[in-house]
C-alpha atoms as a PDB file:
ATOM      1  CA  UNK A   1     -33.923 -32.462 -86.049  1.00  0.00           C
ATOM      2  CA  UNK A   2     -34.398 -30.114 -89.012  1.00  0.00           C
ATOM      3  CA  UNK A   3     -37.971 -28.814 -88.713  1.00  0.00           C
ATOM      4  CA  UNK A   4     -40.453 -26.456 -90.343  1.00  0.00           C
ATOM      5  CA  UNK A   5     -44.165 -25.636 -90.083  1.00  0.00           C
ATOM      6  CA  UNK A   6     -46.179 -25.742 -93.311  1.00  0.00           C
ATOM      7  CA  UNK A   7     -49.497 -25.952 -95.087  1.00  0.00           C
ATOM      8  CA  UNK A   8     -49.978 -29.040 -97.206  1.00  0.00           C
ATOM      9  CA  UNK A   9     -51.473 -28.674-100.654  1.00  0.00           C
ATOM     10  CA  UNK A  10     -54.111 -30.892-102.287  1.00  0.00           C
ATOM     11  CA  UNK A  11     -53.210 -33.380-104.982  1.00  0.00           C
ATOM     12  CA  UNK A  12     -54.889 -31.458-107.842  1.00  0.00           C
ATOM     13  CA  UNK A  13     -52.826 -28.325-107.155  1.00  0.00           C
ATOM     14  CA  UNK A  14     -49.693 -30.439-106.645  1.00  0.00           C
ATOM     15  CA  UNK A  15     -50.278 -32.125-110.038  1.00  0.00           C
ATOM     16  CA  UNK A  16     -50.815 -28.793-111.841  1.00  0.00           C
ATOM     17  CA  UNK A  17     -47.620 -27.340-110.401  1.00  0.00           C
ATOM     18  CA  UNK A  18     -45.687 -30.570-111.016  1.00  0.00           C
ATOM     19  CA  UNK A  19     -46.687 -30.382-114.703  1.00  0.00           C
ATOM     20  CA  UNK A  20     -45.270 -26.851-114.872  1.00  0.00           C
ATOM     21  CA  UNK A  21     -42.020 -27.984-113.206  1.00  0.00           C
ATOM     22  CA  UNK A  22     -41.709 -30.815-115.760  1.00  0.00           C
ATOM     23  CA  UNK A  23     -42.040 -28.247-118.546  1.00  0.00           C
ATOM     24  CA  UNK A  24     -39.588 -25.741-117.062  1.00  0.00           C
ATOM     25  CA  UNK A  25     -36.895 -28.009-115.626  1.00  0.00           C
ATOM     26  CA  UNK A  26     -35.203 -28.946-118.944  1.00  0.00           C
ATOM     27  CA  UNK A  27     -34.893 -25.258-119.882  1.00  0.00           C
ATOM     28  CA  UNK A  28     -32.252 -24.321-117.293  1.00  0.00           C
ATOM     29  CA  UNK A  29     -30.021 -26.748-115.406  1.00  0.00           C
ATOM     30  CA  UNK A  30     -28.680 -24.080-113.014  1.00  0.00           C
ATOM     31  CA  UNK A  31     -31.872 -24.355-110.913  1.00  0.00           C
ATOM     32  CA  UNK A  32     -32.565 -26.969-108.213  1.00  0.00           C
ATOM     33  CA  UNK A  33     -36.234 -27.877-108.662  1.00  0.00           C
ATOM     34  CA  UNK A  34     -38.611 -28.905-105.883  1.00  0.00           C
ATOM     35  CA  UNK A  35     -39.825 -32.482-106.203  1.00  0.00           C
ATOM     36  CA  UNK A  36     -43.623 -32.698-106.583  1.00  0.00           C
ATOM     37  CA  UNK A  37     -44.057 -34.714-103.370  1.00  0.00           C
ATOM     38  CA  UNK A  38     -42.240 -31.957-101.441  1.00  0.00           C
ATOM     39  CA  UNK A  39     -44.410 -29.033-102.564  1.00  0.00           C
ATOM     40  CA  UNK A  40     -45.787 -27.150 -99.546  1.00  0.00           C
ATOM     41  CA  UNK A  41     -46.224 -23.633 -98.169  1.00  0.00           C
ATOM     42  CA  UNK A  42     -43.688 -22.908 -95.442  1.00  0.00           C
ATOM     43  CA  UNK A  43     -45.203 -20.902 -92.589  1.00  0.00           C
ATOM     44  CA  UNK A  44     -42.086 -21.016 -90.406  1.00  0.00           C
ATOM     45  CA  UNK A  45     -38.678 -22.592 -90.956  1.00  0.00           C
ATOM     46  CA  UNK A  46     -37.295 -23.696 -87.599  1.00  0.00           C
ATOM     47  CA  UNK A  47     -33.968 -25.196 -88.642  1.00  0.00           C
ATOM     48  CA  UNK A  48     -32.088 -27.574 -86.347  1.00  0.00           C
ATOM     49  CA  UNK A  49     -34.055 -28.151 -83.134  1.00  0.00           C
ATOM     50  CA  UNK A  50     -32.804 -30.540 -80.436  1.00  0.00           C
ATOM     51  CA  UNK A  51     -35.092 -33.564 -80.104  1.00  0.00           C
ATOM     52  CA  UNK A  52     -35.593 -32.840 -76.389  1.00  0.00           C
ATOM     53  CA  UNK A  53     -37.464 -29.637 -77.387  1.00  0.00           C
ATOM     54  CA  UNK A  54     -39.894 -31.462 -79.692  1.00  0.00           C
ATOM     55  CA  UNK A  55     -42.717 -32.011 -77.171  1.00  0.00           C
ATOM     56  CA  UNK A  56     -42.567 -28.391 -75.980  1.00  0.00           C
ATOM     57  CA  UNK A  57     -42.669 -27.252 -79.596  1.00  0.00           C
ATOM     58  CA  UNK A  58     -45.713 -29.410 -80.341  1.00  0.00           C
ATOM     59  CA  UNK A  59     -47.485 -28.120 -77.232  1.00  0.00           C
ATOM     60  CA  UNK A  60     -46.805 -24.508 -78.259  1.00  0.00           C
ATOM     61  CA  UNK A  61     -48.205 -25.194 -81.746  1.00  0.00           C
ATOM     62  CA  UNK A  62     -51.330 -26.854 -80.320  1.00  0.00           C
ATOM     63  CA  UNK A  63     -52.203 -23.526 -78.644  1.00  0.00           C
ATOM     64  CA  UNK A  64     -51.987 -21.454 -81.861  1.00  0.00           C
ATOM     65  CA  UNK A  65     -55.404 -20.113 -82.896  1.00  0.00           C
ATOM     66  CA  UNK A  66     -55.562 -20.517 -86.656  1.00  0.00           C
ATOM     67  CA  UNK A  67     -58.741 -18.828 -87.830  1.00  0.00           C
ATOM     68  CA  UNK A  68     -59.630 -21.786 -90.103  1.00  0.00           C
ATOM     69  CA  UNK A  69     -60.759 -22.353 -92.706  1.00  0.00           C
ATOM     70  CA  UNK A  70     -58.817 -20.092 -95.075  1.00  0.00           C
ATOM     71  CA  UNK A  71     -59.436 -19.885 -98.805  1.00  0.00           C
ATOM     72  CA  UNK A  72     -56.106 -19.837-100.662  1.00  0.00           C
ATOM     73  CA  UNK A  73     -55.558 -19.516-104.423  1.00  0.00           C
ATOM     74  CA  UNK A  74     -52.325 -20.388-106.218  1.00  0.00           C
ATOM     75  CA  UNK A  75     -51.307 -18.475-109.323  1.00  0.00           C
ATOM     76  CA  UNK A  76     -48.700 -16.349-110.989  1.00  0.00           C
ATOM     77  CA  UNK A  77     -44.932 -16.727-110.888  1.00  0.00           C
ATOM     78  CA  UNK A  78     -42.155 -14.579-109.517  1.00  0.00           C
ATOM     79  CA  UNK A  79     -38.665 -14.417-108.067  1.00  0.00           C
ATOM     80  CA  UNK A  80     -37.062 -13.625-104.715  1.00  0.00           C
ATOM     81  CA  UNK A  81     -35.403 -11.267-104.177  1.00  0.00           C
ATOM     82  CA  UNK A  82     -36.221  -9.952-107.693  1.00  0.00           C
ATOM     83  CA  UNK A  83     -35.878 -10.768-111.392  1.00  0.00           C
ATOM     84  CA  UNK A  84     -32.423  -9.195-111.781  1.00  0.00           C
ATOM     85  CA  UNK A  85     -30.573 -11.698-109.580  1.00  0.00           C
ATOM     86  CA  UNK A  86     -33.164 -14.334-108.694  1.00  0.00           C
ATOM     87  CA  UNK A  87     -32.460 -16.977-106.071  1.00  0.00           C
ATOM     88  CA  UNK A  88     -35.967 -18.437-105.642  1.00  0.00           C
ATOM     89  CA  UNK A  89     -38.656 -19.074-108.266  1.00  0.00           C
ATOM     90  CA  UNK A  90     -42.126 -19.183-106.709  1.00  0.00           C
ATOM     91  CA  UNK A  91     -45.823 -19.634-107.372  1.00  0.00           C
ATOM     92  CA  UNK A  92     -47.809 -16.805-105.826  1.00  0.00           C
ATOM     93  CA  UNK A  93     -50.688 -17.094-103.412  1.00  0.00           C
ATOM     94  CA  UNK A  94     -53.828 -15.070-102.913  1.00  0.00           C
ATOM     95  CA  UNK A  95     -54.648 -15.555 -99.240  1.00  0.00           C
ATOM     96  CA  UNK A  96     -56.497 -13.676 -96.511  1.00  0.00           C
ATOM     97  CA  UNK A  97     -54.548 -11.564 -94.028  1.00  0.00           C
ATOM     98  CA  UNK A  98     -55.314 -14.257 -91.471  1.00  0.00           C
ATOM     99  CA  UNK A  99     -52.608 -16.424 -93.118  1.00  0.00           C
ATOM    100  CA  UNK A 100     -49.989 -13.774 -92.270  1.00  0.00           C
ATOM    101  CA  UNK A 101     -51.478 -13.561 -88.775  1.00  0.00           C
ATOM    102  CA  UNK A 102     -51.191 -17.338 -88.461  1.00  0.00           C
ATOM    103  CA  UNK A 103     -47.536 -17.315 -89.588  1.00  0.00           C
ATOM    104  CA  UNK A 104     -46.774 -14.580 -87.045  1.00  0.00           C
ATOM    105  CA  UNK A 105     -48.589 -16.487 -84.262  1.00  0.00           C
ATOM    106  CA  UNK A 106     -46.632 -19.647 -85.101  1.00  0.00           C
ATOM    107  CA  UNK A 107     -43.383 -17.679 -84.989  1.00  0.00           C
ATOM    108  CA  UNK A 108     -44.240 -16.195 -81.603  1.00  0.00           C
ATOM    109  CA  UNK A 109     -45.336 -19.565 -80.188  1.00  0.00           C
ATOM    110  CA  UNK A 110     -42.193 -21.429 -81.223  1.00  0.00           C
ATOM    111  CA  UNK A 111     -39.915 -18.579 -80.113  1.00  0.00           C
ATOM    112  CA  UNK A 112     -41.132 -19.180 -76.552  1.00  0.00           C
ATOM    113  CA  UNK A 113     -39.603 -22.669 -76.669  1.00  0.00           C
ATOM    114  CA  UNK A 114     -36.312 -21.554 -78.188  1.00  0.00           C
ATOM    115  CA  UNK A 115     -36.856 -21.568 -81.956  1.00  0.00           C
ATOM    116  CA  UNK A 116     -35.204 -18.697 -83.847  1.00  0.00           C
ATOM    117  CA  UNK A 117     -37.203 -15.526 -84.558  1.00  0.00           C
ATOM    118  CA  UNK A 118     -38.009 -14.724 -88.179  1.00  0.00           C
ATOM    119  CA  UNK A 119     -36.138 -11.706 -89.532  1.00  0.00           C
ATOM    120  CA  UNK A 120     -38.309 -11.185 -92.611  1.00  0.00           C
ATOM    121  CA  UNK A 121     -42.050 -10.711 -92.825  1.00  0.00           C
ATOM    122  CA  UNK A 122     -43.962 -13.744 -94.088  1.00  0.00           C
ATOM    123  CA  UNK A 123     -44.740 -13.583 -97.803  1.00  0.00           C
ATOM    124  CA  UNK A 124     -47.182 -16.310 -98.930  1.00  0.00           C
ATOM    125  CA  UNK A 125     -45.628 -18.353-101.751  1.00  0.00           C
ATOM    126  CA  UNK A 126     -44.808 -21.867-102.863  1.00  0.00           C
ATOM    127  CA  UNK A 127     -41.165 -22.457-103.856  1.00  0.00           C
ATOM    128  CA  UNK A 128     -40.646 -24.100-107.260  1.00  0.00           C
ATOM    129  CA  UNK A 129     -36.853 -23.881-107.517  1.00  0.00           C
ATOM    130  CA  UNK A 130     -33.694 -22.350-106.051  1.00  0.00           C
ATOM    131  CA  UNK A 131     -30.582 -20.995-107.723  1.00  0.00           C
ATOM    132  CA  UNK A 132     -27.338 -19.982-105.988  1.00  0.00           C
ATOM    133  CA  UNK A 133     -25.980 -18.120-109.041  1.00  0.00           C
ATOM    134  CA  UNK A 134     -28.915 -15.781-109.602  1.00  0.00           C
ATOM    135  CA  UNK A 135     -28.941 -16.653-113.317  1.00  0.00           C
ATOM    136  CA  UNK A 136     -31.897 -17.442-115.567  1.00  0.00           C
ATOM    137  CA  UNK A 137     -31.520 -18.743-119.114  1.00  0.00           C
ATOM    138  CA  UNK A 138     -33.413 -16.912-121.846  1.00  0.00           C
ATOM    139  CA  UNK A 139     -35.330 -20.123-122.591  1.00  0.00           C
ATOM    140  CA  UNK A 140     -36.552 -20.275-118.980  1.00  0.00           C
ATOM    141  CA  UNK A 141     -37.370 -16.547-118.883  1.00  0.00           C
ATOM    142  CA  UNK A 142     -39.434 -16.928-122.054  1.00  0.00           C
ATOM    143  CA  UNK A 143     -41.378 -19.896-120.645  1.00  0.00           C
ATOM    144  CA  UNK A 144     -41.944 -18.079-117.350  1.00  0.00           C
ATOM    145  CA  UNK A 145     -43.336 -15.062-119.207  1.00  0.00           C
ATOM    146  CA  UNK A 146     -45.779 -17.397-120.973  1.00  0.00           C
ATOM    147  CA  UNK A 147     -46.941 -18.772-117.597  1.00  0.00           C
ATOM    148  CA  UNK A 148     -46.759 -15.528-115.597  1.00  0.00           C
ATOM    149  CA  UNK A 149     -50.507 -15.433-114.994  1.00  0.00           C
ATOM    150  CA  UNK A 150     -51.174 -19.186-114.855  1.00  0.00           C
ATOM    151  CA  UNK A 151     -53.614 -20.354-112.199  1.00  0.00           C
ATOM    152  CA  UNK A 152     -53.013 -23.630-110.360  1.00  0.00           C
ATOM    153  CA  UNK A 153     -56.117 -23.989-108.220  1.00  0.00           C
ATOM    154  CA  UNK A 154     -57.548 -23.112-104.844  1.00  0.00           C
ATOM    155  CA  UNK A 155     -58.018 -24.818-101.504  1.00  0.00           C
ATOM    156  CA  UNK A 156     -59.548 -24.279 -98.101  1.00  0.00           C
ATOM    157  CA  UNK A 157     -56.696 -24.647 -95.635  1.00  0.00           C
ATOM    158  CA  UNK A 158     -57.832 -26.235 -92.396  1.00  0.00           C
ATOM    159  CA  UNK A 159     -54.630 -27.430 -90.703  1.00  0.00           C
ATOM    160  CA  UNK A 160     -50.924 -26.725 -90.505  1.00  0.00           C
ATOM    161  CA  UNK A 161     -48.229 -29.333 -89.979  1.00  0.00           C
ATOM    162  CA  UNK A 162     -44.967 -29.715 -88.096  1.00  0.00           C
ATOM    163  CA  UNK A 163     -42.597 -31.322 -90.587  1.00  0.00           C
ATOM    164  CA  UNK A 164     -39.184 -32.906 -90.329  1.00  0.00           C
ATOM    165  CA  UNK A 165     -36.766 -32.559 -93.229  1.00  0.00           C
ATOM    166  CA  UNK A 166     -34.057 -35.176 -93.675  1.00  0.00           C
ATOM    167  CA  UNK A 167     -31.443 -34.195 -96.243  1.00  0.00           C
ATOM    168  CA  UNK A 168     -30.407 -37.130 -98.414  1.00  0.00           C
ATOM    169  CA  UNK A 169     -28.304 -37.516-101.543  1.00  0.00           C
ATOM    170  CA  UNK A 170     -31.544 -37.905-103.529  1.00  0.00           C
ATOM    171  CA  UNK A 171     -32.968 -34.670-102.053  1.00  0.00           C
ATOM    172  CA  UNK A 172     -34.913 -33.702 -98.961  1.00  0.00           C
ATOM    173  CA  UNK A 173     -37.384 -36.182 -97.510  1.00  0.00           C
ATOM    174  CA  UNK A 174     -40.258 -34.749 -95.459  1.00  0.00           C
ATOM    175  CA  UNK A 175     -42.181 -36.431 -92.669  1.00  0.00           C
ATOM    176  CA  UNK A 176     -45.249 -34.999 -90.921  1.00  0.00           C
ATOM    177  CA  UNK A 177     -44.666 -35.173 -87.158  1.00  0.00           C
ATOM    178  CA  UNK A 178     -48.040 -33.708 -86.162  1.00  0.00           C
ATOM    179  CA  UNK A 179     -50.958 -31.816 -87.717  1.00  0.00           C
ATOM    180  CA  UNK A 180     -52.691 -28.896 -86.012  1.00  0.00           C
ATOM    181  CA  UNK A 181     -56.274 -28.019 -86.870  1.00  0.00           C
ATOM    182  CA  UNK A 182     -56.127 -24.857 -84.736  1.00  0.00           C
ATOM    183  CA  UNK A 183     -57.648 -23.947 -81.428  1.00  0.00           C
ATOM    184  CA  UNK A 184     -61.039 -23.010 -82.914  1.00  0.00           C
ATOM    185  CA  UNK A 185     -61.494 -26.496 -84.380  1.00  0.00           C
ATOM    186  CA  UNK A 186     -61.058 -28.393 -81.113  1.00  0.00           C
END
């Protein structure tokens, strides 16, 4: 099973970001754009996990203390690793330090049941598109500059989700396997 742990986003933020994707997508066909229904904030990518580890993984996630609720704002655009040879186009997030603490706690919890450790520090973002070539057309760069300080909304996060990703010819399809309100909420 291909799994990840994520925050969902509310429909109003999803719609605002989807509108931006619709505007940007025709400007550069070298990018693979995230479908609106798949927009989320990845807290931990787990990769391929054997199905016999699923219950242990869920139990480990149930014990994570989240520190809910968390106010999160979405705004601004940027690239990973940088603008010179970009591979990921993202929407930025203004979030409390407790979101980084939560991502770290999730990583530690799932490592105890055999999930891979994260090599990079968690950077809050929402992925809009990916590009293997590291190229950006001038038309796309110009549009991104126009939207560089755009705001897409805010939410109070109150749960994280264990998600399964099934890769299909039409793109990834995500299914929520379980939601976790955090130890303080129970």
